[in-house]
Each structure stands twice: as structure tokens, then as C-alpha cells.
Amino acid sequence: MNKIIFLIILVCTSYLNAQDYISADKARWEPYYRDSPITAKVSDWYMPFKTTDRTNIKSISVISTFGSARNSFRKGHYHTGLDLMPRNYKEPVNVYSIADGVVVSVHLGDPHQTVVVKHLSEEGEIIYSVYKHITEIKVKNGDRLTEDSQIARVLTKAEGKKFGGSYDHLHLEIRKKFDDFGCASWLTMTKEELNMRFIDPLKFLKEKTVK
């Protein structure tokens, strides 16, 4: 019984600590956020690259999966997105919105520049797509996007090395919430936090792009 109580306390403490990290940091990122109304529902979703068939999940290569452990910045946080690139790509690689939406946040600097796009699903739910490790950003808050709107381009291998890491890929997030204004991307310390704010992008794209 004492062992069970200890485990419950450990889990609860871990959850509270994760909440504290996000709560303590999110005010820094709120100034970069500007909400915009959205009424048009998304019926079609696409891969974030101009591949031959943007509805084909086989047109992308997965570099790192959703929910894996990370030791950068806050050691032990969960990977909140999917690291991906088009198959057989040549640099530079441009990034496009995965659906109709509106830009609500542009934050961070190289090599972590981030654009957040708000979407309205066919079911009437707000969903956010997040694009990270990008440069030469083409959009700003309030811009209305379609799947043909270029957001930015992915950092090249040479640029990634200049910043001291492996940043030559797109980090794509699918979010249920953006109440943290971005910092949960590197401060999500529990599975509860991960599942509360994020959706596995690979699973999402597989489900949404099937015709």
C-alpha cells in the first residue's frame, strides 16, 4: 500500500511540475500571439511540402516520432511533434500550410523560428498546425492561408551545423490548444500534458489525407 501511495504522489508531483514549467514561462510568448476569427471549415488536408502527391503519406520521410524522449533544453521533455522531410529531396525545401487557416503566432529565432496556423475542422473544432526549424518566413500574424501558401523554408544542413545541431528538417506539431503560447513545445514533461495539448501528426495526416 505504501508503494502505491508513493507512486501516486510521484505521478502527481511530476504532473504539477510540468504545469509549473509551462505556467511560469508562457507569459513571455503571449505578445507574439494574435488571435483571429475563422469560419471556413477545412475539408482537405495536405502534406507540408510540394510533393507530387501532397495527400500521399508515403511522400514524406519520418526523422523522429511524436512522444519520444528529448534531452535538449528541459531534459526529459516529450517530443511534441513529428520531424519530417520529403522523400528524395533537394535543398532548399519550402514549407506550405497543411490546410486553409490563419496565422496566429510567429515566434522564436534561428534555429527554432516557429509559425502557428489556426484551422477549423469539419467537426467544428479548432486545431493548430505548428512549423518549426524554418527560415525566410513569408507570413505574419493575421495572414489567411491556403494549402498553396508558402510559409517558409526548412533550414539547410549547412545552416543547421552553423547553429550547432541537427535542424535540417521540419518539426510539425498538431495542437488541440495553444494556451501556452508555444512554450509547451519544449516544456511538456508528462504524457498527460502531451495528450492534453497535442495530437500525433503522423496519425493525423494519415487519417485526414485518406481519400
N, C-alpha and C. Protein backbone atom coordinates (compact mmCIF):
# COMPACT_ATOMS: atom_id res chain seq x y z
N MET A 1 0.83 -1.21 0.00
CA MET A 1 0.00 0.00 0.00
C MET A 1 0.87 1.26 0.00
N ASN A 2 1.92 1.26 0.82
CA ASN A 2 2.82 2.42 0.88
C ASN A 2 3.48 2.67 -0.48
N LYS A 3 3.80 1.57 -1.18
CA LYS A 3 4.43 1.70 -2.51
C LYS A 3 3.46 2.35 -3.49
N ILE A 4 2.20 1.97 -3.42
CA ILE A 4 1.17 2.55 -4.31
C ILE A 4 0.99 4.03 -4.03
N ILE A 5 0.94 4.39 -2.77
CA ILE A 5 0.79 5.80 -2.38
C ILE A 5 1.98 6.61 -2.86
N PHE A 6 3.18 6.03 -2.73
CA PHE A 6 4.39 6.71 -3.19
C PHE A 6 4.33 6.97 -4.69
N LEU A 7 3.89 5.97 -5.46
CA LEU A 7 3.81 6.11 -6.92
C LEU A 7 2.78 7.17 -7.31
N ILE A 8 1.67 7.22 -6.60
CA ILE A 8 0.64 8.23 -6.87
C ILE A 8 1.19 9.62 -6.61
N ILE A 9 1.90 9.79 -5.51
CA ILE A 9 2.50 11.09 -5.17
C ILE A 9 3.53 11.48 -6.21
N LEU A 10 4.32 10.49 -6.67
CA LEU A 10 5.35 10.75 -7.68
C LEU A 10 4.74 11.23 -8.99
N VAL A 11 3.68 10.56 -9.43
CA VAL A 11 3.00 10.94 -10.67
C VAL A 11 2.38 12.33 -10.54
N CYS A 12 1.71 12.58 -9.42
CA CYS A 12 1.07 13.88 -9.20
C CYS A 12 2.10 15.01 -9.15
N THR A 13 3.22 14.75 -8.48
CA THR A 13 4.28 15.75 -8.39
C THR A 13 4.86 16.06 -9.76
N SER A 14 5.08 15.01 -10.55
CA SER A 14 5.60 15.19 -11.91
C SER A 14 4.65 16.02 -12.74
N TYR A 15 3.34 15.76 -12.61
CA TYR A 15 2.34 16.50 -13.37
C TYR A 15 2.32 17.97 -12.96
N LEU A 16 2.37 18.21 -11.66
CA LEU A 16 2.35 19.59 -11.17
C LEU A 16 3.59 20.34 -11.61
N ASN A 17 4.74 19.67 -11.58
CA ASN A 17 5.98 20.31 -12.02
C ASN A 17 5.90 20.70 -13.49
N ALA A 18 5.30 19.81 -14.31
CA ALA A 18 5.15 20.12 -15.73
C ALA A 18 4.26 21.34 -15.91
N GLN A 19 3.17 21.39 -15.16
CA GLN A 19 2.27 22.54 -15.21
C GLN A 19 3.01 23.81 -14.80
N ASP A 20 3.85 23.70 -13.78
CA ASP A 20 4.58 24.87 -13.29
C ASP A 20 5.55 25.40 -14.33
N TYR A 21 6.26 24.52 -15.02
CA TYR A 21 7.19 24.95 -16.06
C TYR A 21 6.48 25.78 -17.11
N ILE A 22 5.34 25.28 -17.58
CA ILE A 22 4.58 25.96 -18.63
C ILE A 22 3.97 27.25 -18.12
N SER A 23 3.36 27.18 -16.95
CA SER A 23 2.72 28.37 -16.38
C SER A 23 3.72 29.49 -16.13
N ALA A 24 4.93 29.10 -15.73
CA ALA A 24 5.95 30.09 -15.40
C ALA A 24 6.53 30.76 -16.64
N ASP A 25 6.44 30.09 -17.78
CA ASP A 25 7.12 30.60 -18.98
C ASP A 25 6.19 31.20 -20.03
N LYS A 26 4.90 30.87 -19.99
CA LYS A 26 4.03 31.21 -21.12
C LYS A 26 3.81 32.71 -21.32
N ALA A 27 3.91 33.51 -20.26
CA ALA A 27 3.69 34.96 -20.40
C ALA A 27 4.70 35.60 -21.34
N ARG A 28 5.90 35.02 -21.42
CA ARG A 28 6.93 35.58 -22.31
C ARG A 28 6.52 35.50 -23.78
N TRP A 29 5.69 34.52 -24.11
CA TRP A 29 5.36 34.24 -25.51
C TRP A 29 4.01 34.79 -25.93
N GLU A 30 3.22 35.24 -24.96
CA GLU A 30 1.89 35.78 -25.29
C GLU A 30 1.94 37.00 -26.23
N PRO A 31 2.92 37.90 -26.11
CA PRO A 31 2.96 39.06 -27.01
C PRO A 31 3.10 38.70 -28.49
N TYR A 32 3.58 37.50 -28.79
CA TYR A 32 3.74 37.09 -30.18
C TYR A 32 2.45 36.50 -30.76
N TYR A 33 1.45 36.32 -29.90
CA TYR A 33 0.20 35.68 -30.30
C TYR A 33 -0.87 36.72 -30.61
N ARG A 34 -1.54 36.55 -31.73
CA ARG A 34 -2.68 37.40 -32.06
C ARG A 34 -3.78 36.53 -32.64
N ASP A 35 -4.86 36.39 -31.89
CA ASP A 35 -5.95 35.54 -32.34
C ASP A 35 -6.70 36.22 -33.48
N SER A 36 -7.25 35.41 -34.37
CA SER A 36 -8.07 35.90 -35.48
C SER A 36 -9.25 34.96 -35.64
N PRO A 37 -10.43 35.52 -35.96
CA PRO A 37 -11.61 34.66 -36.14
C PRO A 37 -11.45 33.80 -37.39
N ILE A 38 -12.08 32.66 -37.38
CA ILE A 38 -12.04 31.76 -38.52
C ILE A 38 -13.39 31.07 -38.65
N THR A 39 -13.95 31.07 -39.84
CA THR A 39 -15.29 30.50 -40.04
C THR A 39 -15.31 29.39 -41.09
N ALA A 40 -14.36 29.42 -42.03
CA ALA A 40 -14.33 28.41 -43.09
C ALA A 40 -13.76 27.10 -42.56
N LYS A 41 -14.53 26.04 -42.71
CA LYS A 41 -14.08 24.72 -42.23
C LYS A 41 -13.18 24.05 -43.25
N VAL A 42 -12.19 23.34 -42.74
CA VAL A 42 -11.23 22.63 -43.60
C VAL A 42 -11.81 21.28 -44.00
N SER A 43 -11.87 21.02 -45.28
CA SER A 43 -12.33 19.72 -45.76
C SER A 43 -11.16 18.87 -46.28
N ASP A 44 -10.08 19.52 -46.68
CA ASP A 44 -8.93 18.82 -47.25
C ASP A 44 -7.64 19.21 -46.54
N TRP A 45 -6.84 18.21 -46.20
CA TRP A 45 -5.57 18.41 -45.53
C TRP A 45 -4.46 17.85 -46.41
N TYR A 46 -3.26 18.41 -46.27
CA TYR A 46 -2.16 18.07 -47.17
C TYR A 46 -0.85 17.93 -46.41
N MET A 47 0.13 17.30 -47.05
CA MET A 47 1.49 17.29 -46.53
C MET A 47 2.06 18.71 -46.63
N PRO A 48 3.01 19.06 -45.77
CA PRO A 48 3.53 20.45 -45.76
C PRO A 48 4.58 20.75 -46.81
N PHE A 49 4.75 19.84 -47.77
CA PHE A 49 5.74 20.04 -48.84
C PHE A 49 5.06 19.88 -50.20
N LYS A 50 5.64 20.52 -51.22
CA LYS A 50 5.11 20.39 -52.58
C LYS A 50 5.65 19.12 -53.23
N THR A 51 5.13 17.99 -52.78
CA THR A 51 5.48 16.71 -53.38
C THR A 51 4.56 16.45 -54.57
N THR A 52 4.83 15.37 -55.30
CA THR A 52 4.00 15.04 -56.47
C THR A 52 2.55 14.84 -56.06
N ASP A 53 2.35 14.18 -54.92
CA ASP A 53 1.00 13.98 -54.38
C ASP A 53 1.01 14.37 -52.92
N ARG A 54 0.47 15.52 -52.62
CA ARG A 54 0.51 16.04 -51.24
C ARG A 54 -0.48 15.35 -50.31
N THR A 55 -1.26 14.41 -50.83
CA THR A 55 -2.16 13.64 -49.97
C THR A 55 -1.61 12.24 -49.70
N ASN A 56 -0.41 11.97 -50.17
CA ASN A 56 0.19 10.64 -50.02
C ASN A 56 1.20 10.65 -48.87
N ILE A 57 0.90 9.93 -47.81
CA ILE A 57 1.78 9.89 -46.64
C ILE A 57 3.14 9.29 -46.99
N LYS A 58 3.20 8.50 -48.06
CA LYS A 58 4.46 7.88 -48.46
C LYS A 58 5.40 8.87 -49.14
N SER A 59 4.93 10.10 -49.36
CA SER A 59 5.78 11.12 -49.97
C SER A 59 6.71 11.78 -48.96
N ILE A 60 6.57 11.43 -47.67
CA ILE A 60 7.43 12.01 -46.64
C ILE A 60 8.29 10.95 -45.97
N SER A 61 9.40 11.39 -45.41
CA SER A 61 10.26 10.53 -44.59
C SER A 61 10.20 11.02 -43.15
N VAL A 62 10.00 10.10 -42.24
CA VAL A 62 9.94 10.42 -40.81
C VAL A 62 11.34 10.35 -40.22
N ILE A 63 11.74 11.43 -39.56
CA ILE A 63 13.07 11.50 -38.95
C ILE A 63 13.01 11.22 -37.46
N SER A 64 11.98 11.73 -36.80
CA SER A 64 11.82 11.50 -35.36
C SER A 64 10.33 11.54 -35.03
N THR A 65 9.88 10.59 -34.22
CA THR A 65 8.46 10.42 -33.98
C THR A 65 7.93 11.25 -32.79
N PHE A 66 6.65 11.38 -32.76
CA PHE A 66 5.90 12.05 -31.71
C PHE A 66 6.01 11.27 -30.40
N GLY A 67 6.22 11.99 -29.30
CA GLY A 67 6.21 11.37 -27.98
C GLY A 67 7.51 10.76 -27.52
N SER A 68 8.56 10.87 -28.33
CA SER A 68 9.86 10.33 -27.91
C SER A 68 10.51 11.25 -26.87
N ALA A 69 11.45 10.70 -26.12
CA ALA A 69 12.12 11.48 -25.06
C ALA A 69 13.14 12.43 -25.67
N ARG A 70 13.27 13.61 -25.06
CA ARG A 70 14.21 14.63 -25.52
C ARG A 70 15.08 15.10 -24.35
N ASN A 71 16.36 15.33 -24.63
CA ASN A 71 17.28 15.81 -23.61
C ASN A 71 17.76 17.24 -23.85
N SER A 72 17.24 17.88 -24.90
CA SER A 72 17.60 19.28 -25.15
C SER A 72 16.75 20.20 -24.31
N PHE A 73 17.26 21.38 -24.02
CA PHE A 73 16.60 22.41 -23.19
C PHE A 73 16.17 21.83 -21.85
N ARG A 74 14.91 21.48 -21.66
CA ARG A 74 14.47 20.87 -20.40
C ARG A 74 14.63 19.35 -20.54
N LYS A 75 15.63 18.79 -19.90
CA LYS A 75 15.94 17.37 -20.05
C LYS A 75 14.75 16.51 -19.67
N GLY A 76 14.43 15.56 -20.56
CA GLY A 76 13.35 14.63 -20.28
C GLY A 76 12.00 15.05 -20.82
N HIS A 77 11.94 16.18 -21.53
CA HIS A 77 10.63 16.56 -22.07
C HIS A 77 10.26 15.67 -23.25
N TYR A 78 8.95 15.63 -23.54
CA TYR A 78 8.47 14.80 -24.63
C TYR A 78 8.50 15.56 -25.96
N HIS A 79 8.80 14.82 -27.02
CA HIS A 79 8.79 15.41 -28.36
C HIS A 79 7.34 15.63 -28.77
N THR A 80 6.98 16.88 -28.97
CA THR A 80 5.58 17.25 -29.18
C THR A 80 5.17 17.26 -30.64
N GLY A 81 6.10 16.94 -31.52
CA GLY A 81 5.79 16.96 -32.94
C GLY A 81 6.38 15.78 -33.69
N LEU A 82 6.35 15.92 -34.98
CA LEU A 82 6.92 14.93 -35.90
C LEU A 82 8.00 15.63 -36.70
N ASP A 83 9.21 15.08 -36.71
CA ASP A 83 10.28 15.61 -37.56
C ASP A 83 10.22 14.88 -38.89
N LEU A 84 10.10 15.63 -39.98
CA LEU A 84 9.90 15.01 -41.28
C LEU A 84 10.51 15.83 -42.40
N MET A 85 10.68 15.19 -43.54
CA MET A 85 11.14 15.84 -44.77
C MET A 85 10.52 15.09 -45.94
N PRO A 86 10.48 15.72 -47.12
CA PRO A 86 10.00 14.97 -48.29
C PRO A 86 11.02 13.89 -48.67
N ARG A 87 10.55 12.83 -49.30
CA ARG A 87 11.45 11.79 -49.77
C ARG A 87 12.29 12.30 -50.94
N ASN A 88 13.54 11.88 -50.96
CA ASN A 88 14.43 12.20 -52.09
C ASN A 88 14.46 13.70 -52.41
N TYR A 89 14.56 14.50 -51.36
CA TYR A 89 14.51 15.95 -51.55
C TYR A 89 15.87 16.52 -51.97
N LYS A 90 15.80 17.70 -52.54
CA LYS A 90 16.98 18.51 -52.81
C LYS A 90 16.77 19.85 -52.15
N GLU A 91 17.81 20.36 -51.50
CA GLU A 91 17.70 21.66 -50.85
C GLU A 91 17.66 22.78 -51.90
N PRO A 92 16.96 23.86 -51.63
CA PRO A 92 16.18 24.15 -50.43
C PRO A 92 14.79 23.49 -50.47
N VAL A 93 14.22 23.25 -49.28
CA VAL A 93 12.89 22.65 -49.16
C VAL A 93 11.93 23.68 -48.59
N ASN A 94 10.93 24.04 -49.36
CA ASN A 94 9.94 25.02 -48.91
C ASN A 94 8.83 24.33 -48.12
N VAL A 95 8.22 25.09 -47.22
CA VAL A 95 7.17 24.58 -46.34
C VAL A 95 5.87 25.31 -46.65
N TYR A 96 4.77 24.54 -46.72
CA TYR A 96 3.46 25.09 -47.05
C TYR A 96 2.46 24.72 -45.96
N SER A 97 1.41 25.52 -45.85
CA SER A 97 0.36 25.22 -44.88
C SER A 97 -0.31 23.90 -45.23
N ILE A 98 -0.69 23.14 -44.23
CA ILE A 98 -1.32 21.85 -44.48
C ILE A 98 -2.81 21.99 -44.80
N ALA A 99 -3.35 23.22 -44.66
CA ALA A 99 -4.78 23.44 -44.95
C ALA A 99 -5.07 24.94 -44.87
N ASP A 100 -6.31 25.31 -45.22
CA ASP A 100 -6.76 26.69 -45.05
C ASP A 100 -6.66 27.06 -43.57
N GLY A 101 -6.24 28.29 -43.30
CA GLY A 101 -6.16 28.73 -41.91
C GLY A 101 -5.67 30.15 -41.81
N VAL A 102 -5.41 30.59 -40.60
CA VAL A 102 -4.94 31.95 -40.34
C VAL A 102 -3.75 31.89 -39.39
N VAL A 103 -2.73 32.71 -39.66
CA VAL A 103 -1.52 32.75 -38.83
C VAL A 103 -1.83 33.47 -37.52
N VAL A 104 -1.51 32.84 -36.40
CA VAL A 104 -1.78 33.45 -35.09
C VAL A 104 -0.53 33.70 -34.26
N SER A 105 0.62 33.15 -34.68
CA SER A 105 1.85 33.39 -33.92
C SER A 105 3.07 33.14 -34.80
N VAL A 106 4.04 34.06 -34.67
CA VAL A 106 5.37 33.88 -35.26
C VAL A 106 6.35 34.20 -34.14
N HIS A 107 7.09 33.20 -33.68
CA HIS A 107 7.93 33.42 -32.51
C HIS A 107 9.24 32.64 -32.59
N LEU A 108 10.12 32.93 -31.66
CA LEU A 108 11.47 32.38 -31.57
C LEU A 108 12.35 32.86 -32.74
N GLY A 109 13.65 32.60 -32.61
CA GLY A 109 14.61 32.96 -33.63
C GLY A 109 15.36 31.72 -34.11
N ASP A 110 16.27 31.90 -35.07
CA ASP A 110 17.04 30.77 -35.59
C ASP A 110 17.75 30.04 -34.45
N PRO A 111 17.78 28.72 -34.44
CA PRO A 111 17.26 27.81 -35.46
C PRO A 111 15.86 27.28 -35.14
N HIS A 112 15.14 27.97 -34.26
CA HIS A 112 13.85 27.47 -33.79
C HIS A 112 12.67 28.33 -34.24
N GLN A 113 12.87 29.15 -35.28
CA GLN A 113 11.76 30.00 -35.73
C GLN A 113 10.50 29.16 -35.93
N THR A 114 9.37 29.73 -35.51
CA THR A 114 8.12 28.96 -35.47
C THR A 114 6.96 29.79 -35.99
N VAL A 115 6.12 29.15 -36.79
CA VAL A 115 4.87 29.76 -37.27
C VAL A 115 3.72 28.86 -36.83
N VAL A 116 2.65 29.48 -36.31
CA VAL A 116 1.48 28.74 -35.85
C VAL A 116 0.27 29.16 -36.68
N VAL A 117 -0.45 28.18 -37.23
CA VAL A 117 -1.63 28.44 -38.05
C VAL A 117 -2.85 27.81 -37.40
N LYS A 118 -3.91 28.58 -37.30
CA LYS A 118 -5.17 28.13 -36.70
C LYS A 118 -6.12 27.65 -37.79
N HIS A 119 -6.74 26.48 -37.56
CA HIS A 119 -7.67 25.89 -38.52
C HIS A 119 -9.00 25.56 -37.83
N LEU A 120 -10.05 25.45 -38.62
CA LEU A 120 -11.35 24.99 -38.12
C LEU A 120 -11.69 23.71 -38.85
N SER A 121 -11.80 22.62 -38.11
CA SER A 121 -12.05 21.31 -38.72
C SER A 121 -13.50 21.19 -39.17
N GLU A 122 -13.77 20.16 -39.96
CA GLU A 122 -15.14 19.90 -40.40
C GLU A 122 -16.06 19.62 -39.23
N GLU A 123 -15.49 19.12 -38.15
CA GLU A 123 -16.29 18.83 -36.95
C GLU A 123 -16.51 20.07 -36.09
N GLY A 124 -15.96 21.20 -36.51
CA GLY A 124 -16.14 22.45 -35.77
C GLY A 124 -15.13 22.66 -34.66
N GLU A 125 -14.04 21.88 -34.66
CA GLU A 125 -13.01 22.01 -33.62
C GLU A 125 -11.85 22.87 -34.11
N ILE A 126 -11.31 23.68 -33.21
CA ILE A 126 -10.12 24.47 -33.54
C ILE A 126 -8.89 23.58 -33.41
N ILE A 127 -8.06 23.60 -34.43
CA ILE A 127 -6.81 22.84 -34.46
C ILE A 127 -5.70 23.78 -34.91
N TYR A 128 -4.53 23.62 -34.36
CA TYR A 128 -3.38 24.44 -34.72
C TYR A 128 -2.30 23.57 -35.37
N SER A 129 -1.77 24.04 -36.49
CA SER A 129 -0.57 23.40 -37.06
C SER A 129 0.62 24.30 -36.79
N VAL A 130 1.74 23.70 -36.41
CA VAL A 130 2.92 24.44 -35.98
C VAL A 130 4.12 23.98 -36.81
N TYR A 131 4.89 24.95 -37.32
CA TYR A 131 6.02 24.69 -38.20
C TYR A 131 7.28 25.29 -37.58
N LYS A 132 8.28 24.43 -37.31
CA LYS A 132 9.47 24.87 -36.58
C LYS A 132 10.73 24.43 -37.32
N HIS A 133 11.86 25.10 -37.03
CA HIS A 133 13.16 24.91 -37.71
C HIS A 133 13.08 25.42 -39.15
N ILE A 134 12.51 26.60 -39.27
CA ILE A 134 12.30 27.20 -40.59
C ILE A 134 12.98 28.58 -40.64
N THR A 135 13.15 29.08 -41.85
CA THR A 135 13.76 30.40 -42.04
C THR A 135 13.13 31.04 -43.27
N GLU A 136 13.50 32.29 -43.53
CA GLU A 136 12.92 33.04 -44.64
C GLU A 136 11.39 32.98 -44.59
N ILE A 137 10.85 33.36 -43.45
CA ILE A 137 9.41 33.28 -43.22
C ILE A 137 8.68 34.27 -44.13
N LYS A 138 7.62 33.78 -44.76
CA LYS A 138 6.86 34.57 -45.74
C LYS A 138 5.55 35.12 -45.20
N VAL A 139 5.19 34.78 -43.97
CA VAL A 139 3.88 35.14 -43.44
C VAL A 139 4.00 35.96 -42.16
N LYS A 140 2.87 36.55 -41.75
CA LYS A 140 2.82 37.31 -40.50
C LYS A 140 1.46 37.07 -39.85
N ASN A 141 1.33 37.46 -38.60
CA ASN A 141 0.07 37.28 -37.88
C ASN A 141 -1.08 37.91 -38.64
N GLY A 142 -2.18 37.18 -38.72
CA GLY A 142 -3.37 37.67 -39.39
C GLY A 142 -3.49 37.24 -40.84
N ASP A 143 -2.41 36.73 -41.43
CA ASP A 143 -2.45 36.30 -42.83
C ASP A 143 -3.37 35.08 -42.98
N ARG A 144 -4.21 35.12 -44.02
CA ARG A 144 -5.08 33.99 -44.35
C ARG A 144 -4.35 33.09 -45.34
N LEU A 145 -4.30 31.80 -45.04
CA LEU A 145 -3.52 30.87 -45.85
C LEU A 145 -4.41 29.81 -46.49
N THR A 146 -3.93 29.29 -47.61
CA THR A 146 -4.49 28.07 -48.20
C THR A 146 -3.37 27.04 -48.23
N GLU A 147 -3.70 25.85 -48.72
CA GLU A 147 -2.65 24.81 -48.79
C GLU A 147 -1.55 25.17 -49.77
N ASP A 148 -1.78 26.17 -50.62
CA ASP A 148 -0.75 26.60 -51.58
C ASP A 148 0.08 27.77 -51.06
N SER A 149 -0.17 28.20 -49.83
CA SER A 149 0.57 29.33 -49.26
C SER A 149 1.90 28.86 -48.71
N GLN A 150 2.99 29.44 -49.21
CA GLN A 150 4.31 29.11 -48.67
C GLN A 150 4.50 29.84 -47.35
N ILE A 151 4.91 29.10 -46.35
CA ILE A 151 5.15 29.66 -45.02
C ILE A 151 6.61 30.08 -44.86
N ALA A 152 7.51 29.23 -45.31
CA ALA A 152 8.96 29.47 -45.11
C ALA A 152 9.71 28.38 -45.85
N ARG A 153 10.95 28.18 -45.48
CA ARG A 153 11.72 27.03 -45.96
C ARG A 153 12.43 26.39 -44.77
N VAL A 154 12.77 25.12 -44.93
CA VAL A 154 13.49 24.38 -43.89
C VAL A 154 14.95 24.81 -43.88
N LEU A 155 15.55 24.86 -42.71
CA LEU A 155 16.98 25.11 -42.61
C LEU A 155 17.76 24.05 -43.38
N THR A 156 18.82 24.46 -44.04
CA THR A 156 19.66 23.50 -44.77
C THR A 156 20.61 22.79 -43.79
N LYS A 157 21.28 21.76 -44.29
CA LYS A 157 22.26 21.04 -43.46
C LYS A 157 23.37 21.99 -42.99
N ALA A 158 23.83 22.84 -43.90
CA ALA A 158 24.90 23.78 -43.56
C ALA A 158 24.44 24.77 -42.50
N GLU A 159 23.20 25.25 -42.63
CA GLU A 159 22.67 26.19 -41.63
C GLU A 159 22.50 25.50 -40.28
N GLY A 160 22.04 24.25 -40.30
CA GLY A 160 21.89 23.51 -39.05
C GLY A 160 23.21 23.33 -38.33
N LYS A 161 24.26 23.02 -39.07
CA LYS A 161 25.59 22.86 -38.48
C LYS A 161 26.08 24.18 -37.90
N LYS A 162 25.77 25.28 -38.57
CA LYS A 162 26.18 26.60 -38.08
C LYS A 162 25.56 26.89 -36.72
N PHE A 163 24.35 26.38 -36.50
CA PHE A 163 23.68 26.59 -35.22
C PHE A 163 23.98 25.49 -34.21
N GLY A 164 24.85 24.55 -34.59
CA GLY A 164 25.32 23.55 -33.65
C GLY A 164 24.38 22.39 -33.39
N GLY A 165 23.52 22.06 -34.36
CA GLY A 165 22.61 20.94 -34.13
C GLY A 165 22.07 20.37 -35.43
N SER A 166 21.19 19.37 -35.29
CA SER A 166 20.54 18.77 -36.46
C SER A 166 19.18 19.43 -36.64
N TYR A 167 19.16 20.52 -37.36
CA TYR A 167 17.93 21.29 -37.55
C TYR A 167 17.45 21.28 -39.00
N ASP A 168 18.04 20.44 -39.83
CA ASP A 168 17.68 20.43 -41.25
C ASP A 168 16.49 19.50 -41.51
N HIS A 169 15.39 19.79 -40.84
CA HIS A 169 14.13 19.07 -41.01
C HIS A 169 13.00 19.97 -40.52
N LEU A 170 11.80 19.65 -40.90
CA LEU A 170 10.63 20.36 -40.37
C LEU A 170 10.12 19.64 -39.13
N HIS A 171 9.95 20.41 -38.06
CA HIS A 171 9.27 19.91 -36.86
C HIS A 171 7.82 20.38 -36.99
N LEU A 172 6.91 19.44 -37.19
CA LEU A 172 5.49 19.74 -37.38
C LEU A 172 4.69 19.29 -36.16
N GLU A 173 3.91 20.20 -35.60
CA GLU A 173 3.01 19.86 -34.50
C GLU A 173 1.56 20.03 -34.94
N ILE A 174 0.70 19.20 -34.38
CA ILE A 174 -0.75 19.38 -34.48
C ILE A 174 -1.25 19.55 -33.05
N ARG A 175 -1.86 20.70 -32.80
CA ARG A 175 -2.26 21.03 -31.43
C ARG A 175 -3.77 21.14 -31.27
N LYS A 176 -4.23 20.70 -30.09
CA LYS A 176 -5.62 20.91 -29.70
C LYS A 176 -5.78 22.27 -29.04
N LYS A 177 -4.71 22.75 -28.42
CA LYS A 177 -4.73 24.00 -27.66
C LYS A 177 -3.47 24.80 -27.94
N PHE A 178 -3.57 26.11 -27.76
CA PHE A 178 -2.39 26.96 -27.82
C PHE A 178 -2.39 27.93 -26.63
N ASP A 179 -2.88 27.44 -25.49
CA ASP A 179 -3.00 28.26 -24.29
C ASP A 179 -1.66 28.58 -23.65
N ASP A 180 -0.60 27.86 -24.06
CA ASP A 180 0.74 28.09 -23.52
C ASP A 180 1.54 29.06 -24.38
N PHE A 181 0.97 29.44 -25.54
CA PHE A 181 1.58 30.38 -26.50
C PHE A 181 2.90 29.89 -27.09
N GLY A 182 3.14 28.58 -26.97
CA GLY A 182 4.29 27.99 -27.64
C GLY A 182 5.26 27.24 -26.76
N CYS A 183 5.35 27.58 -25.48
CA CYS A 183 6.41 27.01 -24.64
C CYS A 183 6.21 25.54 -24.30
N ALA A 184 4.99 25.02 -24.46
CA ALA A 184 4.79 23.59 -24.21
C ALA A 184 5.57 22.73 -25.20
N SER A 185 6.00 23.33 -26.30
CA SER A 185 6.79 22.59 -27.28
C SER A 185 8.10 22.07 -26.69
N TRP A 186 8.61 22.76 -25.69
CA TRP A 186 9.87 22.31 -25.08
C TRP A 186 9.75 22.11 -23.56
N LEU A 187 8.51 22.21 -23.03
CA LEU A 187 8.33 22.06 -21.58
C LEU A 187 7.27 21.01 -21.22
N THR A 188 6.94 20.13 -22.16
CA THR A 188 5.96 19.08 -21.88
C THR A 188 6.67 17.89 -21.24
N MET A 189 6.41 17.71 -19.95
CA MET A 189 7.18 16.75 -19.16
C MET A 189 6.42 15.47 -18.82
N THR A 190 5.13 15.41 -19.11
CA THR A 190 4.35 14.21 -18.79
C THR A 190 3.48 13.82 -19.98
N LYS A 191 3.07 12.55 -19.99
CA LYS A 191 2.16 12.06 -21.03
C LYS A 191 0.81 12.78 -20.95
N GLU A 192 0.41 13.11 -19.71
CA GLU A 192 -0.86 13.82 -19.54
C GLU A 192 -0.83 15.17 -20.25
N GLU A 193 0.27 15.89 -20.09
CA GLU A 193 0.42 17.17 -20.77
C GLU A 193 0.47 16.99 -22.29
N LEU A 194 1.18 15.97 -22.71
CA LEU A 194 1.31 15.71 -24.15
C LEU A 194 -0.06 15.46 -24.77
N ASN A 195 -0.85 14.61 -24.15
CA ASN A 195 -2.15 14.24 -24.70
C ASN A 195 -3.19 15.36 -24.54
N MET A 196 -2.97 16.24 -23.58
CA MET A 196 -3.91 17.34 -23.37
C MET A 196 -3.83 18.38 -24.49
N ARG A 197 -2.62 18.64 -24.99
CA ARG A 197 -2.42 19.72 -25.97
C ARG A 197 -2.13 19.26 -27.39
N PHE A 198 -1.61 18.05 -27.55
CA PHE A 198 -1.05 17.65 -28.84
C PHE A 198 -1.69 16.40 -29.41
N ILE A 199 -1.60 16.30 -30.74
CA ILE A 199 -2.04 15.12 -31.50
C ILE A 199 -0.83 14.61 -32.27
N ASP A 200 -0.71 13.30 -32.39
CA ASP A 200 0.38 12.71 -33.17
C ASP A 200 0.21 13.15 -34.64
N PRO A 201 1.12 13.96 -35.18
CA PRO A 201 0.97 14.47 -36.55
C PRO A 201 0.93 13.37 -37.61
N LEU A 202 1.69 12.30 -37.40
CA LEU A 202 1.70 11.22 -38.39
C LEU A 202 0.33 10.55 -38.46
N LYS A 203 -0.23 10.27 -37.30
CA LYS A 203 -1.57 9.68 -37.25
C LYS A 203 -2.60 10.64 -37.84
N PHE A 204 -2.48 11.91 -37.52
CA PHE A 204 -3.40 12.93 -38.02
C PHE A 204 -3.35 13.00 -39.54
N LEU A 205 -2.16 13.09 -40.11
CA LEU A 205 -2.02 13.19 -41.56
C LEU A 205 -2.52 11.92 -42.25
N LYS A 206 -2.24 10.78 -41.68
CA LYS A 206 -2.73 9.52 -42.27
C LYS A 206 -4.25 9.50 -42.33
N GLU A 207 -4.88 9.95 -41.25
CA GLU A 207 -6.34 9.92 -41.18
C GLU A 207 -6.98 10.98 -42.07
N LYS A 208 -6.40 12.17 -42.09
CA LYS A 208 -7.03 13.30 -42.76
C LYS A 208 -6.79 13.34 -44.27
N THR A 209 -5.72 12.72 -44.73
CA THR A 209 -5.41 12.81 -46.17
C THR A 209 -5.91 11.62 -46.96
N VAL A 210 -6.51 10.64 -46.29
CA VAL A 210 -7.06 9.47 -46.98
C VAL A 210 -8.31 9.90 -47.75
N LYS A 211 -8.34 9.58 -49.03
CA LYS A 211 -9.48 9.95 -49.88
C LYS A 211 -10.46 8.77 -50.00
